[in-house]
Amino acid sequence: MFAISLGDDGAELTPLAPWQAGEFLAHIDRGREFIGAHVGLPDIVTDLDTARAHLVRYADKAARDAGYLYGIRVDGLLVGGVLFVTFDTASGVAEAGCWIEPVYAGRGLVTRACRAILDWAVERRGIHRVEWHVAPENTPSIAVARRLGMTREGVLRENYPYRGRRADTEIWSVLAPEWRAAKAASQAAADPAQAASGTA
């Protein structure tokens, strides 16, 4: 299994597979209330069978190149995840998302993980537009969208039935040229001498 380092704090990005259903369920149980405030994952994953079914669903999506699911780990412990809910290379459009346990929120883990998968989608797979759908009250997720250089496009009003009410959804997105420009600017800021020499 591959693991992509997300920094020098023991954080890694790894795939999630059906054989990890028990670990996945334990992770969701640890963050169930926090994650479920805005994300429906804890309502879907309630026991071992539903945990396995969810992972199988994304394994099937990955086999069809239609969606992907990754775990965020710190020192080997599964603490969160990022995903492509949809992934369509024909249209060049994908939708990304995330979740994290409360103890690990605010450490930049989700942003780093999202940068890794968005860069792969844009640079390796030719995705032109990555969308981010988020509840207006989910300010941490909106902060991630901003850090990823996304633009808020508008609000789908009461489009999402969630726990007995109809919720709004904000739509954010970043386009491939915007992603590349932001990445180049970030690299230049990190190493101005290299950028000045034209070798960045």
Protein backbone atom coordinates (compact mmCIF):
# COMPACT_ATOMS: atom_id res chain seq x y z
CA MET A 1 0.00 0.00 0.00
CA PHE A 2 1.31 3.46 -0.83
CA ALA A 3 1.62 6.27 1.70
CA ILE A 4 2.20 9.91 0.80
CA SER A 5 3.86 12.02 3.48
CA LEU A 6 1.90 15.12 4.44
CA GLY A 7 4.72 16.70 6.44
CA ASP A 8 7.20 15.99 9.21
CA ASP A 9 4.54 15.43 11.90
CA GLY A 10 3.90 11.77 11.12
CA ALA A 11 0.92 12.55 8.87
CA GLU A 12 0.35 10.44 5.77
CA LEU A 13 -2.25 9.97 3.06
CA THR A 14 -3.18 6.36 2.25
CA PRO A 15 -5.94 4.53 0.35
CA LEU A 16 -8.90 3.09 2.25
CA ALA A 17 -9.99 -0.42 1.29
CA PRO A 18 -12.84 -2.75 2.32
CA TRP A 19 -10.56 -4.95 4.44
CA GLN A 20 -10.06 -1.93 6.73
CA ALA A 21 -13.76 -1.71 7.66
CA GLY A 22 -13.17 -2.35 11.39
CA GLU A 23 -10.56 0.39 11.63
CA PHE A 24 -12.77 2.72 9.60
CA LEU A 25 -15.75 2.13 11.89
CA ALA A 26 -13.65 2.74 15.02
CA HIS A 27 -12.43 6.01 13.51
CA ILE A 28 -15.96 7.17 12.69
CA ASP A 29 -17.13 6.21 16.19
CA ARG A 30 -14.41 8.40 17.75
CA GLY A 31 -15.53 11.45 15.78
CA ARG A 32 -19.18 10.60 15.15
CA GLU A 33 -20.81 13.68 16.72
CA PHE A 34 -18.23 16.17 15.42
CA ILE A 35 -18.12 14.78 11.88
CA GLY A 36 -21.90 14.44 11.71
CA ALA A 37 -22.52 18.11 12.46
CA HIS A 38 -22.27 18.85 8.73
CA VAL A 39 -21.32 15.61 6.96
CA GLY A 40 -23.62 12.62 6.48
CA LEU A 41 -20.90 9.97 6.76
CA PRO A 42 -21.69 8.96 10.38
CA ASP A 43 -25.32 8.38 9.41
CA ILE A 44 -24.19 6.03 6.63
CA VAL A 45 -21.50 4.18 8.61
CA THR A 46 -23.23 2.80 11.71
CA ASP A 47 -21.82 -0.72 12.11
CA LEU A 48 -19.28 -3.08 10.56
CA ASP A 49 -21.52 -4.06 7.65
CA THR A 50 -22.27 -0.47 6.65
CA ALA A 51 -18.61 0.49 7.09
CA ARG A 52 -17.59 -2.30 4.75
CA ALA A 53 -20.36 -1.42 2.28
CA HIS A 54 -19.19 2.19 2.15
CA LEU A 55 -15.60 1.16 1.47
CA VAL A 56 -16.77 -1.34 -1.16
CA ARG A 57 -18.80 1.41 -2.84
CA TYR A 58 -15.67 3.56 -3.19
CA ALA A 59 -13.55 0.59 -4.28
CA ASP A 60 -16.09 0.08 -7.06
CA LYS A 61 -15.94 3.79 -7.92
CA ALA A 62 -12.14 3.64 -8.06
CA ALA A 63 -12.30 0.61 -10.34
CA ARG A 64 -14.49 2.65 -12.70
CA ASP A 65 -12.29 5.77 -12.28
CA ALA A 66 -15.39 7.55 -10.96
CA GLY A 67 -14.42 8.40 -7.37
CA TYR A 68 -11.67 7.87 -4.81
CA LEU A 69 -11.36 7.61 -1.02
CA TYR A 70 -8.21 8.22 1.03
CA GLY A 71 -7.40 8.11 4.72
CA ILE A 72 -5.43 10.67 6.69
CA ARG A 73 -3.19 8.97 9.24
CA VAL A 74 -1.04 10.35 12.04
CA ASP A 75 1.59 7.91 13.30
CA GLY A 76 -0.40 5.15 11.65
CA LEU A 77 -3.76 6.03 13.26
CA LEU A 78 -6.66 6.77 10.91
CA VAL A 79 -7.92 10.24 11.92
CA GLY A 80 -9.71 11.62 8.86
CA GLY A 81 -10.17 11.38 5.16
CA VAL A 82 -10.43 13.13 1.84
CA LEU A 83 -12.20 11.94 -1.25
CA PHE A 84 -13.40 12.57 -4.74
CA VAL A 85 -17.16 12.09 -4.44
CA THR A 86 -17.29 12.22 -8.23
CA PHE A 87 -14.46 12.05 -10.76
CA ASP A 88 -15.23 12.50 -14.46
CA THR A 89 -12.27 12.72 -16.80
CA ALA A 90 -14.55 13.01 -19.85
CA SER A 91 -15.95 16.33 -18.63
CA GLY A 92 -12.85 17.23 -16.62
CA VAL A 93 -14.91 17.81 -13.46
CA ALA A 94 -14.52 16.31 -9.99
CA GLU A 95 -16.01 17.00 -6.56
CA ALA A 96 -13.72 16.79 -3.53
CA GLY A 97 -14.64 16.50 0.14
CA CYS A 98 -13.24 15.79 3.58
CA TRP A 99 -13.78 14.92 7.24
CA ILE A 100 -11.58 14.81 10.37
CA GLU A 101 -11.78 13.70 14.00
CA PRO A 102 -12.14 16.65 16.42
CA VAL A 103 -8.84 16.00 18.22
CA TYR A 104 -6.97 16.43 14.92
CA ALA A 105 -8.91 19.43 13.57
CA GLY A 106 -7.06 22.71 13.13
CA ARG A 107 -3.68 21.15 12.32
CA GLY A 108 -3.81 21.69 8.56
CA LEU A 109 -4.09 17.96 7.87
CA VAL A 110 -7.15 18.25 5.63
CA THR A 111 -5.68 21.12 3.62
CA ARG A 112 -2.42 19.24 3.05
CA ALA A 113 -4.26 16.08 2.06
CA CYS A 114 -6.55 17.98 -0.30
CA ARG A 115 -3.58 19.68 -1.95
CA ALA A 116 -2.09 16.26 -2.65
CA ILE A 117 -5.21 14.81 -4.29
CA LEU A 118 -6.10 18.01 -6.18
CA ASP A 119 -2.59 18.25 -7.58
CA TRP A 120 -2.82 14.63 -8.75
CA ALA A 121 -6.23 15.26 -10.31
CA VAL A 122 -5.14 18.38 -12.17
CA GLU A 123 -1.60 17.52 -13.15
CA ARG A 124 -1.79 13.75 -13.68
CA ARG A 125 -5.41 13.16 -14.66
CA GLY A 126 -6.30 16.32 -16.58
CA ILE A 127 -9.16 17.45 -14.35
CA HIS A 128 -10.06 21.05 -15.22
CA ARG A 129 -12.50 21.91 -12.45
CA VAL A 130 -12.64 20.68 -8.85
CA GLU A 131 -15.78 21.49 -6.88
CA TRP A 132 -16.31 21.71 -3.12
CA HIS A 133 -19.87 21.44 -1.74
CA VAL A 134 -20.25 22.66 1.83
CA ALA A 135 -22.90 23.72 4.33
CA PRO A 136 -22.76 27.50 4.94
CA GLU A 137 -22.38 26.82 8.69
CA ASN A 138 -19.34 24.59 8.16
CA THR A 139 -16.76 27.34 8.57
CA PRO A 140 -13.71 25.01 8.91
CA SER A 141 -14.53 23.37 5.57
CA ILE A 142 -15.06 26.77 3.95
CA ALA A 143 -11.64 27.80 5.30
CA VAL A 144 -10.12 24.77 3.57
CA ALA A 145 -11.78 25.79 0.29
CA ARG A 146 -10.27 29.26 0.63
CA ARG A 147 -6.81 27.85 1.41
CA LEU A 148 -7.10 25.70 -1.71
CA GLY A 149 -7.64 28.85 -3.78
CA MET A 150 -11.28 28.10 -4.52
CA THR A 151 -13.91 30.67 -5.49
CA ARG A 152 -17.39 30.73 -3.98
CA GLU A 153 -19.83 30.50 -6.86
CA GLY A 154 -23.16 30.57 -5.11
CA VAL A 155 -25.68 28.76 -2.93
CA LEU A 156 -28.07 25.94 -3.72
CA ARG A 157 -30.97 26.82 -1.45
CA GLU A 158 -32.46 24.03 0.67
CA ASN A 159 -31.26 21.39 -1.79
CA TYR A 160 -30.01 18.89 0.81
CA PRO A 161 -32.35 17.02 3.18
CA TYR A 162 -30.30 16.42 6.33
CA ARG A 163 -31.51 15.13 9.68
CA GLY A 164 -35.08 16.35 9.36
CA ARG A 165 -34.43 19.72 7.73
CA ARG A 166 -33.53 21.09 4.35
CA ALA A 167 -30.03 22.58 4.29
CA ASP A 168 -28.36 24.99 1.87
CA THR A 169 -25.18 24.06 0.02
CA GLU A 170 -22.44 26.50 -0.97
CA ILE A 171 -20.59 25.66 -4.19
CA TRP A 172 -16.88 26.49 -4.38
CA SER A 173 -14.48 25.56 -7.16
CA VAL A 174 -10.96 25.92 -8.49
CA LEU A 175 -9.99 25.67 -12.17
CA ALA A 176 -6.79 24.08 -13.40
CA PRO A 177 -5.14 27.37 -14.52
CA GLU A 178 -5.96 28.91 -11.11
CA TRP A 179 -4.53 25.87 -9.33
CA ARG A 180 -1.28 26.04 -11.31
CA ALA A 181 -0.93 29.79 -10.80
CA ALA A 182 -1.46 29.48 -7.05
CA LYS A 183 1.02 26.60 -6.85
CA ALA A 184 3.65 28.60 -8.76
CA ALA A 185 3.11 31.61 -6.49
CA SER A 186 3.45 29.42 -3.41
CA GLN A 187 6.67 27.87 -4.69
CA ALA A 188 8.05 31.32 -5.52
CA ALA A 189 7.23 32.57 -2.02
CA ALA A 190 8.92 29.52 -0.49
CA ASP A 191 12.09 29.92 -2.56
CA PRO A 192 12.43 33.44 -4.05
CA ALA A 193 16.02 32.86 -5.21
CA GLN A 194 15.04 29.84 -7.28
CA ALA A 195 12.06 31.68 -8.75
CA ALA A 196 14.29 34.64 -9.68
CA SER A 197 16.71 32.33 -11.47
CA GLY A 198 13.87 30.96 -13.58
CA THR A 199 14.33 27.38 -12.40
CA ALA A 200 11.30 27.13 -10.13
